[in-house]
Amino acid sequence: MSYFPMYVDFSGKKCLVAGGGPVAFRKAETLYEFGAEILVVSPGILPEIQEIPGISCRRKQFEEEDLCGREIVVAATDDAALNHRISQACKERGIFVNAVDQKEDCSFIFPAYLKEGEVVAAFSSGGQSPAVAQYLKEQMRPVLTPYLGSLTSCLGGVRETVRQCTKTEAERKGIYKEILSLGLKTGEIPSEQEIFSIIRNYQS
């Protein structure tokens, strides 16, 4: 069965990463990029993990008590049996869990993704083939550029003004499309004057 692509606000979410190796580092780095509050538990923890600002690290074996208060858990140890045990404990508590490379022990999976500002494009093969997800990611890379992220922020910045100056959803959509088209055509963020000129064209 396919996984439903749901975007979730991870800001401040209490996350646990069990494991301290390269895989745990990659997962912790991703969670950190999206604003999670992360605790890493493992007898050995890479220096790269400890250098991520704000991440808490405890050099110890995983214990079920470590799940207390956690909303997201990643089981990234090098012990498949332990990852399975962590997964079972999470599912019993209703905690979302990802057990690396053990699809049957996952209640969610990490997609391949691109992120520029607030724009995020994610790709998943449902755990069947990470190579396919990575291929799709690379195909999208020329499209989802830092400039597109900035242009999106520009559009977000005028939403309230557009809402106040228009009467219908159709008008608002038309304005946003024109601003986007102008930005993509010129390769420059539309000026305030250009934006208000577009808005005035839609006012009766």
Protein backbone atom coordinates (compact mmCIF):
# COMPACT_ATOMS: atom_id res chain seq x y z
CA MET A 1 0.00 0.00 0.00
CA SER A 2 1.27 3.48 -0.87
CA TYR A 3 2.19 6.00 1.81
CA PHE A 4 0.04 9.14 2.06
CA PRO A 5 2.16 12.28 1.39
CA MET A 6 1.30 14.40 4.43
CA TYR A 7 3.34 17.51 5.26
CA VAL A 8 3.70 17.95 9.02
CA ASP A 9 5.03 20.87 11.07
CA PHE A 10 7.97 19.42 13.02
CA SER A 11 8.80 22.68 14.80
CA GLY A 12 9.37 21.86 18.44
CA LYS A 13 8.34 18.21 18.03
CA LYS A 14 10.14 16.04 20.55
CA CYS A 15 12.06 13.47 18.52
CA LEU A 16 14.27 10.59 19.59
CA VAL A 17 17.01 9.12 17.41
CA ALA A 18 18.27 5.78 18.72
CA GLY A 19 21.73 5.27 17.25
CA GLY A 20 24.81 7.39 16.82
CA GLY A 21 26.35 6.36 13.48
CA PRO A 22 26.27 7.78 9.94
CA VAL A 23 22.63 6.80 9.31
CA ALA A 24 21.52 8.34 12.60
CA PHE A 25 23.44 11.47 11.64
CA ARG A 26 21.57 11.79 8.34
CA LYS A 27 18.19 11.33 10.00
CA ALA A 28 18.99 13.75 12.82
CA GLU A 29 20.21 16.30 10.28
CA THR A 30 16.92 16.05 8.37
CA LEU A 31 14.80 16.38 11.50
CA TYR A 32 16.89 19.36 12.60
CA GLU A 33 16.41 21.09 9.24
CA PHE A 34 12.66 21.00 9.86
CA GLY A 35 12.85 22.38 13.39
CA ALA A 36 12.51 19.27 15.55
CA GLU A 37 13.74 19.06 19.13
CA ILE A 38 16.07 16.06 19.03
CA LEU A 39 17.52 13.68 21.59
CA VAL A 40 20.11 11.17 20.38
CA VAL A 41 20.69 8.06 22.48
CA SER A 42 23.55 5.66 21.79
CA PRO A 43 26.66 4.26 23.51
CA GLY A 44 28.71 5.83 20.71
CA ILE A 45 27.80 9.09 18.99
CA LEU A 46 29.60 10.61 16.01
CA PRO A 47 31.18 14.05 16.56
CA GLU A 48 29.15 15.33 13.57
CA ILE A 49 25.94 14.63 15.48
CA GLN A 50 27.19 16.37 18.60
CA GLU A 51 28.11 19.42 16.53
CA ILE A 52 24.52 19.99 15.34
CA PRO A 53 23.31 23.00 17.37
CA GLY A 54 20.67 22.27 19.97
CA ILE A 55 20.74 18.47 19.73
CA SER A 56 20.89 16.65 23.07
CA CYS A 57 23.05 13.54 23.27
CA ARG A 58 23.13 10.77 25.86
CA ARG A 59 25.83 8.12 25.66
CA LYS A 60 23.87 5.09 26.83
CA GLN A 61 21.99 2.04 25.68
CA PHE A 62 18.41 2.60 24.58
CA GLU A 63 15.78 2.02 27.26
CA GLU A 64 12.02 2.18 26.82
CA GLU A 65 11.94 5.04 29.30
CA ASP A 66 13.66 7.12 26.60
CA LEU A 67 10.37 7.13 24.70
CA CYS A 68 8.61 9.14 27.40
CA GLY A 69 7.25 12.36 25.93
CA ARG A 70 8.55 11.62 22.42
CA GLU A 71 6.33 12.23 19.39
CA ILE A 72 8.64 10.94 16.64
CA VAL A 73 11.23 8.16 16.92
CA VAL A 74 13.92 6.96 14.55
CA ALA A 75 15.46 3.56 15.24
CA ALA A 76 18.84 3.81 13.53
CA THR A 77 21.02 1.41 15.48
CA ASP A 78 23.14 -1.27 13.77
CA ASP A 79 21.09 -3.97 15.51
CA ALA A 80 17.98 -5.02 13.53
CA ALA A 81 16.50 -6.82 16.53
CA LEU A 82 16.85 -3.72 18.70
CA ASN A 83 15.32 -1.54 15.97
CA HIS A 84 12.38 -3.95 15.85
CA ARG A 85 11.98 -3.80 19.62
CA ILE A 86 12.03 0.01 19.54
CA SER A 87 9.43 -0.05 16.77
CA GLN A 88 7.11 -2.35 18.72
CA ALA A 89 7.41 -0.20 21.84
CA CYS A 90 6.57 2.92 19.82
CA LYS A 91 3.56 1.36 18.15
CA GLU A 92 2.21 0.25 21.51
CA ARG A 93 2.42 3.87 22.65
CA GLY A 94 1.03 5.40 19.46
CA ILE A 95 4.36 7.05 18.57
CA PHE A 96 5.31 7.48 14.91
CA VAL A 97 8.45 5.47 14.24
CA ASN A 98 10.92 4.94 11.43
CA ALA A 99 13.17 1.88 11.65
CA VAL A 100 15.90 2.37 9.08
CA ASP A 101 15.88 -0.24 6.27
CA GLN A 102 13.14 -2.21 8.05
CA LYS A 103 9.99 -1.18 6.21
CA GLU A 104 7.74 -3.55 8.19
CA ASP A 105 8.79 -1.75 11.37
CA CYS A 106 7.99 1.74 10.05
CA SER A 107 4.85 3.79 10.56
CA PHE A 108 6.39 6.54 8.42
CA ILE A 109 9.28 6.78 5.98
CA PHE A 110 11.71 9.53 5.03
CA PRO A 111 11.30 10.72 1.43
CA ALA A 112 14.00 12.05 -0.84
CA TYR A 113 13.37 15.78 -0.84
CA LEU A 114 14.45 19.21 -2.02
CA LYS A 115 13.97 22.27 0.19
CA GLU A 116 14.36 25.90 -0.80
CA GLY A 117 12.94 28.23 1.82
CA GLU A 118 9.40 27.15 2.52
CA VAL A 119 9.11 25.18 -0.72
CA VAL A 120 9.57 21.44 -0.26
CA ALA A 121 9.28 18.77 -2.94
CA ALA A 122 9.33 15.19 -1.68
CA PHE A 123 9.62 11.90 -3.55
CA SER A 124 8.89 8.39 -2.36
CA SER A 125 8.80 4.93 -3.86
CA GLY A 126 6.98 3.55 -0.81
CA GLY A 127 10.25 2.02 0.33
CA GLN A 128 10.50 -0.11 -2.80
CA SER A 129 13.40 1.65 -4.50
CA PRO A 130 15.29 4.60 -2.98
CA ALA A 131 17.11 4.85 -6.32
CA VAL A 132 13.85 5.86 -8.03
CA ALA A 133 13.12 8.50 -5.38
CA GLN A 134 16.65 9.90 -5.77
CA TYR A 135 16.27 9.93 -9.57
CA LEU A 136 13.07 11.98 -9.29
CA LYS A 137 14.76 14.34 -6.85
CA GLU A 138 17.62 15.01 -9.27
CA GLN A 139 15.17 15.56 -12.14
CA MET A 140 13.42 18.25 -10.10
CA ARG A 141 16.61 19.96 -8.88
CA PRO A 142 16.91 22.33 -11.90
CA VAL A 143 13.32 23.49 -11.28
CA LEU A 144 13.31 23.95 -7.52
CA THR A 145 16.03 26.58 -7.24
CA PRO A 146 16.92 29.04 -4.47
CA TYR A 147 15.35 31.75 -6.64
CA LEU A 148 12.03 29.88 -6.70
CA GLY A 149 12.19 29.72 -2.92
CA SER A 150 12.68 33.50 -2.79
CA LEU A 151 9.89 34.10 -5.31
CA THR A 152 7.58 31.97 -3.18
CA SER A 153 8.41 34.10 -0.13
CA CYS A 154 7.50 37.17 -2.20
CA LEU A 155 4.11 35.65 -3.02
CA GLY A 156 3.56 34.77 0.61
CA GLY A 157 4.41 38.32 1.61
CA VAL A 158 1.61 39.83 -0.47
CA ARG A 159 -1.15 37.39 0.46
CA GLU A 160 -2.80 39.68 3.00
CA THR A 161 -2.65 42.67 0.64
CA VAL A 162 -4.15 40.63 -2.18
CA ARG A 163 -6.89 39.33 0.11
CA GLN A 164 -7.86 42.85 1.17
CA CYS A 165 -7.85 44.21 -2.39
CA THR A 166 -9.92 41.49 -4.06
CA LYS A 167 -13.42 40.09 -3.81
CA THR A 168 -13.16 36.60 -5.27
CA GLU A 169 -10.89 33.58 -5.19
CA ALA A 170 -10.65 33.74 -8.99
CA GLU A 171 -9.20 37.26 -8.76
CA ARG A 172 -6.66 36.19 -6.16
CA LYS A 173 -5.55 33.20 -8.22
CA GLY A 174 -5.17 35.41 -11.27
CA ILE A 175 -2.98 37.88 -9.38
CA TYR A 176 -0.75 35.17 -7.94
CA LYS A 177 -0.32 33.57 -11.35
CA GLU A 178 0.66 36.88 -12.93
CA ILE A 179 3.18 37.69 -10.19
CA LEU A 180 4.67 34.20 -10.50
CA SER A 181 4.80 34.41 -14.30
CA LEU A 182 6.49 37.80 -14.16
CA GLY A 183 9.09 36.57 -11.70
CA LEU A 184 9.83 33.46 -13.73
CA LYS A 185 10.02 35.43 -16.97
CA THR A 186 12.39 38.15 -15.74
CA GLY A 187 14.39 36.11 -13.25
CA GLU A 188 13.96 38.93 -10.75
CA ILE A 189 11.68 39.32 -7.75
CA PRO A 190 8.81 41.62 -8.84
CA SER A 191 9.00 45.07 -7.34
CA GLU A 192 6.31 46.50 -5.10
CA GLN A 193 5.29 48.81 -7.94
CA GLU A 194 4.93 45.89 -10.37
CA ILE A 195 2.91 43.88 -7.86
CA PHE A 196 0.49 46.74 -7.16
CA SER A 197 0.12 47.34 -10.87
CA ILE A 198 -1.00 43.73 -11.29
CA ILE A 199 -3.40 44.01 -8.35
CA ARG A 200 -4.97 47.20 -9.74
CA ASN A 201 -5.74 45.43 -13.02
CA TYR A 202 -8.05 43.10 -11.08
CA GLN A 203 -9.86 45.79 -9.14
CA SER A 204 -13.23 46.92 -10.48
